[in-house]
Amino acid sequence: MPSSSSIPIPVPIPDAVAILIGDCIPENVLQAEIAAEQAAYRVRLSRTPFSREAREYALGDLARANKVLAAYDPRLMVRAGGAR
């Protein structure tokens, strides 16, 4: 069990700060980040044996988005489980 001091607490970012951060990142990287998050979500949804094709398709989308993210900064890559 991790100690409570090692669990990161999400801190809300004001909209103005988020806009400033978004202005510093190229548009294709922002679109890839959104695509990666959506693909990771679809991978988590398709866990049954009947949705194997949908899961493979989502993993392909995730790989394409991660390729763009890794070229910009490898720390931005999204894992199939959703955690970075």
Protein backbone atom coordinates (compact mmCIF):
# COMPACT_ATOMS: atom_id res chain seq x y z
CA MET A 1 0.00 0.00 0.00
CA PRO A 2 1.60 3.31 -1.02
CA SER A 3 1.93 5.94 1.61
CA SER A 4 -0.34 8.94 1.35
CA SER A 5 2.64 11.21 0.67
CA SER A 6 3.50 9.35 -2.56
CA ILE A 7 0.03 9.65 -4.13
CA PRO A 8 -0.13 12.71 -6.39
CA ILE A 9 -3.07 14.99 -5.74
CA PRO A 10 -4.60 16.54 -8.87
CA VAL A 11 -4.50 20.31 -8.75
CA PRO A 12 -6.89 22.24 -10.98
CA ILE A 13 -5.22 24.54 -13.50
CA PRO A 14 -6.88 27.90 -14.14
CA ASP A 15 -8.18 28.31 -17.71
CA ALA A 16 -5.78 31.18 -18.44
CA VAL A 17 -2.78 29.01 -17.52
CA ALA A 18 -4.08 26.10 -19.61
CA ILE A 19 -4.42 28.44 -22.60
CA LEU A 20 -0.85 29.68 -22.15
CA ILE A 21 0.43 26.10 -21.98
CA GLY A 22 -1.61 25.15 -25.05
CA ASP A 23 -0.19 28.10 -27.01
CA CYS A 24 3.35 26.78 -26.48
CA ILE A 25 2.62 23.31 -27.87
CA PRO A 26 2.17 22.72 -31.62
CA GLU A 27 -1.37 22.02 -32.83
CA ASN A 28 -0.55 18.53 -34.16
CA VAL A 29 0.83 17.52 -30.75
CA LEU A 30 -2.32 18.75 -28.98
CA GLN A 31 -4.49 16.81 -31.43
CA ALA A 32 -2.33 13.71 -30.93
CA GLU A 33 -2.68 14.01 -27.17
CA ILE A 34 -6.46 14.15 -27.44
CA ALA A 35 -6.47 11.20 -29.84
CA ALA A 36 -4.21 9.19 -27.53
CA GLU A 37 -6.44 9.80 -24.50
CA GLN A 38 -9.53 8.79 -26.47
CA ALA A 39 -7.86 5.66 -27.83
CA ALA A 40 -6.66 4.65 -24.35
CA TYR A 41 -10.23 5.06 -23.10
CA ARG A 42 -11.55 2.85 -25.93
CA VAL A 43 -8.91 0.22 -25.10
CA ARG A 44 -10.11 0.15 -21.49
CA LEU A 45 -13.72 -0.24 -22.66
CA SER A 46 -13.01 -3.20 -24.94
CA ARG A 47 -11.84 -5.89 -22.52
CA THR A 48 -14.18 -8.71 -23.55
CA PRO A 49 -13.21 -11.43 -26.04
CA PHE A 50 -16.04 -10.24 -28.32
CA SER A 51 -14.49 -6.80 -28.75
CA ARG A 52 -11.04 -7.96 -29.85
CA GLU A 53 -11.25 -6.19 -33.22
CA ALA A 54 -12.30 -2.90 -31.61
CA ARG A 55 -9.45 -3.21 -29.10
CA GLU A 56 -6.88 -3.81 -31.86
CA TYR A 57 -8.20 -0.81 -33.79
CA ALA A 58 -7.95 1.39 -30.67
CA LEU A 59 -4.42 0.13 -29.99
CA GLY A 60 -3.46 1.12 -33.54
CA ASP A 61 -4.90 4.61 -33.02
CA LEU A 62 -3.00 4.86 -29.75
CA ALA A 63 0.27 3.81 -31.40
CA ARG A 64 -0.14 6.44 -34.14
CA ALA A 65 -0.88 9.19 -31.63
CA ASN A 66 2.00 8.10 -29.37
CA LYS A 67 4.39 8.26 -32.33
CA VAL A 68 3.64 11.98 -32.71
CA LEU A 69 3.81 12.57 -28.95
CA ALA A 70 7.11 10.71 -28.59
CA ALA A 71 8.67 12.74 -31.40
CA TYR A 72 7.80 15.93 -29.50
CA ASP A 73 8.47 14.70 -25.95
CA PRO A 74 8.57 11.03 -24.86
CA ARG A 75 7.08 11.93 -21.48
CA LEU A 76 3.77 12.79 -23.18
CA MET A 77 3.12 9.22 -24.34
CA VAL A 78 -0.12 7.61 -23.12
CA ARG A 79 -0.30 3.96 -22.02
CA ALA A 80 -3.11 1.66 -23.02
CA GLY A 81 -4.23 1.47 -19.38
CA GLY A 82 -4.60 5.24 -19.31
CA ALA A 83 -1.73 6.03 -16.94
CA ARG A 84 1.19 8.03 -18.29
